[in-house]
Amino acid sequence: MAYWLMKSEPNKFSWDQLIAKGEAGEEWDGVRNYLARNNMREMALGDQVFFYHSNIGLEVVGIAEVCALSHPDSTTEDPRWDCVDIRAVKPLPQPVSLKEIKATPELSDMSLVTSMRLSVQPVKPEEWQLVCRMGGLEQD
């Protein structure tokens, strides 16, 4: 299993809206960055995803999972753009802010810190574990 972080502006699509989609989840459409698209093409079913509220909030608020593999983005006719579907798994008991992440030396190389503009990014297993602990989730 791989770990990822996906950013969404909560005033456009929020964690609560993803929860409301239920088991079907939601197509992660509209991504128009090649590296972000390539990251989605690498995703496997069941990969875990931090759901990050960007612009407003600036925090990891929940965990989602990939529920449909890379497929053509339905919001464009351009065949270059793909997306995956994700569904909500569970909220973080305590959202983890970008400020907290930046203040944690062990997370200084995390893509969220080093590639801040990238909307779909990989997360290393040790980063995943630490952010989960910071958010009040104990990992096995």
Protein backbone atom coordinates (compact mmCIF):
# COMPACT_ATOMS: atom_id res chain seq x y z
CA MET A 1 0.00 0.00 0.00
CA ALA A 2 1.14 3.52 -0.79
CA TYR A 3 0.25 6.78 0.94
CA TRP A 4 -0.76 10.07 -0.63
CA LEU A 5 -1.99 13.56 0.16
CA MET A 6 -4.68 15.25 -1.92
CA LYS A 7 -5.56 18.91 -1.57
CA SER A 8 -8.99 20.44 -1.91
CA GLU A 9 -10.25 23.93 -1.24
CA PRO A 10 -13.02 23.36 1.32
CA ASN A 11 -15.22 26.06 -0.18
CA LYS A 12 -15.19 24.07 -3.47
CA PHE A 13 -15.13 20.47 -2.18
CA SER A 14 -14.76 19.71 1.52
CA TRP A 15 -14.14 16.69 3.70
CA ASP A 16 -17.82 16.78 4.74
CA GLN A 17 -18.85 16.62 1.09
CA LEU A 18 -16.63 13.57 0.56
CA ILE A 19 -18.20 11.89 3.59
CA ALA A 20 -21.65 12.61 2.11
CA LYS A 21 -20.66 10.71 -1.07
CA GLY A 22 -20.53 7.49 0.98
CA GLU A 23 -19.07 4.24 -0.34
CA ALA A 24 -19.28 5.38 -3.96
CA GLY A 25 -16.76 8.13 -3.29
CA GLU A 26 -15.98 10.95 -5.68
CA GLU A 27 -14.00 11.39 -8.85
CA TRP A 28 -10.91 13.52 -8.10
CA ASP A 29 -11.36 15.56 -11.25
CA GLY A 30 -10.01 18.85 -12.51
CA VAL A 31 -6.31 18.20 -11.88
CA ARG A 32 -4.29 19.87 -14.63
CA ASN A 33 -0.73 19.28 -13.47
CA TYR A 34 1.29 16.49 -15.08
CA LEU A 35 3.10 15.41 -11.92
CA ALA A 36 -0.16 15.29 -9.94
CA ARG A 37 -1.78 13.32 -12.78
CA ASN A 38 1.16 10.92 -12.87
CA ASN A 39 0.86 10.41 -9.12
CA MET A 40 -2.79 9.42 -9.59
CA ARG A 41 -1.80 7.01 -12.35
CA GLU A 42 0.47 5.26 -9.83
CA MET A 43 -2.27 4.80 -7.24
CA ALA A 44 -3.64 1.36 -6.40
CA LEU A 45 -7.01 0.39 -4.97
CA GLY A 46 -6.97 0.78 -1.20
CA ASP A 47 -4.06 3.23 -1.13
CA GLN A 48 -4.54 5.61 1.78
CA VAL A 49 -4.91 9.36 1.25
CA PHE A 50 -4.65 12.33 3.59
CA PHE A 51 -7.46 14.76 2.73
CA TYR A 52 -6.00 18.25 3.05
CA HIS A 53 -7.99 21.48 3.16
CA SER A 54 -5.98 24.03 1.19
CA ASN A 55 -6.33 27.83 1.15
CA ILE A 56 -8.91 27.76 3.97
CA GLY A 57 -7.87 25.79 7.01
CA LEU A 58 -4.49 24.57 5.73
CA GLU A 59 -4.78 21.25 7.55
CA VAL A 60 -5.05 17.50 7.14
CA VAL A 61 -8.61 16.72 8.20
CA GLY A 62 -9.24 13.10 7.27
CA ILE A 63 -8.18 9.84 5.71
CA ALA A 64 -9.64 8.62 2.44
CA GLU A 65 -8.82 5.67 0.21
CA VAL A 66 -8.55 5.12 -3.51
CA CYS A 67 -11.71 3.30 -4.64
CA ALA A 68 -11.32 3.50 -8.45
CA LEU A 69 -8.13 3.35 -10.46
CA SER A 70 -6.93 6.02 -12.86
CA HIS A 71 -9.43 6.72 -15.63
CA PRO A 72 -10.23 9.60 -18.01
CA ASP A 73 -11.29 12.77 -16.21
CA SER A 74 -14.99 13.31 -16.98
CA THR A 75 -14.64 17.10 -16.82
CA THR A 76 -12.60 17.36 -20.02
CA GLU A 77 -12.46 15.94 -23.53
CA ASP A 78 -8.65 16.20 -23.43
CA PRO A 79 -7.28 12.63 -23.26
CA ARG A 80 -4.17 13.75 -21.37
CA TRP A 81 -6.04 14.13 -18.08
CA ASP A 82 -6.86 11.23 -15.80
CA CYS A 83 -8.12 10.96 -12.25
CA VAL A 84 -8.95 8.42 -9.55
CA ASP A 85 -11.95 8.12 -7.27
CA ILE A 86 -11.58 8.35 -3.50
CA ARG A 87 -13.93 7.76 -0.58
CA ALA A 88 -13.79 8.91 3.04
CA VAL A 89 -12.49 6.43 5.61
CA LYS A 90 -12.31 8.43 8.84
CA PRO A 91 -11.71 11.95 10.10
CA LEU A 92 -8.65 12.83 12.10
CA PRO A 93 -9.73 13.36 15.72
CA GLN A 94 -7.52 16.46 15.71
CA PRO A 95 -6.78 18.13 12.34
CA VAL A 96 -3.05 18.60 11.71
CA SER A 97 -2.17 22.06 10.48
CA LEU A 98 0.46 23.00 7.95
CA LYS A 99 2.05 25.11 10.69
CA GLU A 100 2.40 22.02 12.93
CA ILE A 101 3.82 19.98 10.05
CA LYS A 102 6.36 22.67 9.22
CA ALA A 103 7.35 22.89 12.91
CA THR A 104 8.08 19.14 13.08
CA PRO A 105 11.71 18.44 12.08
CA GLU A 106 10.93 14.85 11.06
CA LEU A 107 8.52 16.22 8.43
CA SER A 108 10.88 18.80 6.90
CA ASP A 109 11.26 16.72 3.71
CA MET A 110 7.54 15.99 3.34
CA SER A 111 6.18 17.00 -0.08
CA LEU A 112 3.60 19.20 1.63
CA VAL A 113 6.53 21.32 2.88
CA THR A 114 8.85 21.08 -0.13
CA SER A 115 6.31 21.02 -3.01
CA MET A 116 3.54 23.09 -1.53
CA ARG A 117 1.71 23.79 -4.80
CA LEU A 118 1.42 20.15 -5.89
CA SER A 119 -2.20 19.04 -5.38
CA VAL A 120 -1.61 15.27 -5.38
CA GLN A 121 1.57 14.14 -3.70
CA PRO A 122 3.19 11.04 -2.24
CA VAL A 123 3.62 10.60 1.51
CA LYS A 124 6.39 8.39 2.94
CA PRO A 125 5.25 5.67 5.39
CA GLU A 126 7.13 7.27 8.29
CA GLU A 127 5.50 10.65 7.50
CA TRP A 128 2.11 8.96 7.37
CA GLN A 129 2.61 7.38 10.79
CA LEU A 130 3.76 10.63 12.38
CA VAL A 131 0.94 12.78 10.94
CA CYS A 132 -1.59 10.14 12.05
CA ARG A 133 -0.18 10.25 15.59
CA MET A 134 -0.22 14.05 15.56
CA GLY A 135 -3.89 13.84 14.53
CA GLY A 136 -4.79 11.51 17.37
CA LEU A 137 -4.80 8.22 15.46
CA GLU A 138 -2.73 5.31 16.68
CA GLN A 139 -1.36 3.20 13.83
CA ASP A 140 -0.71 -0.54 14.01
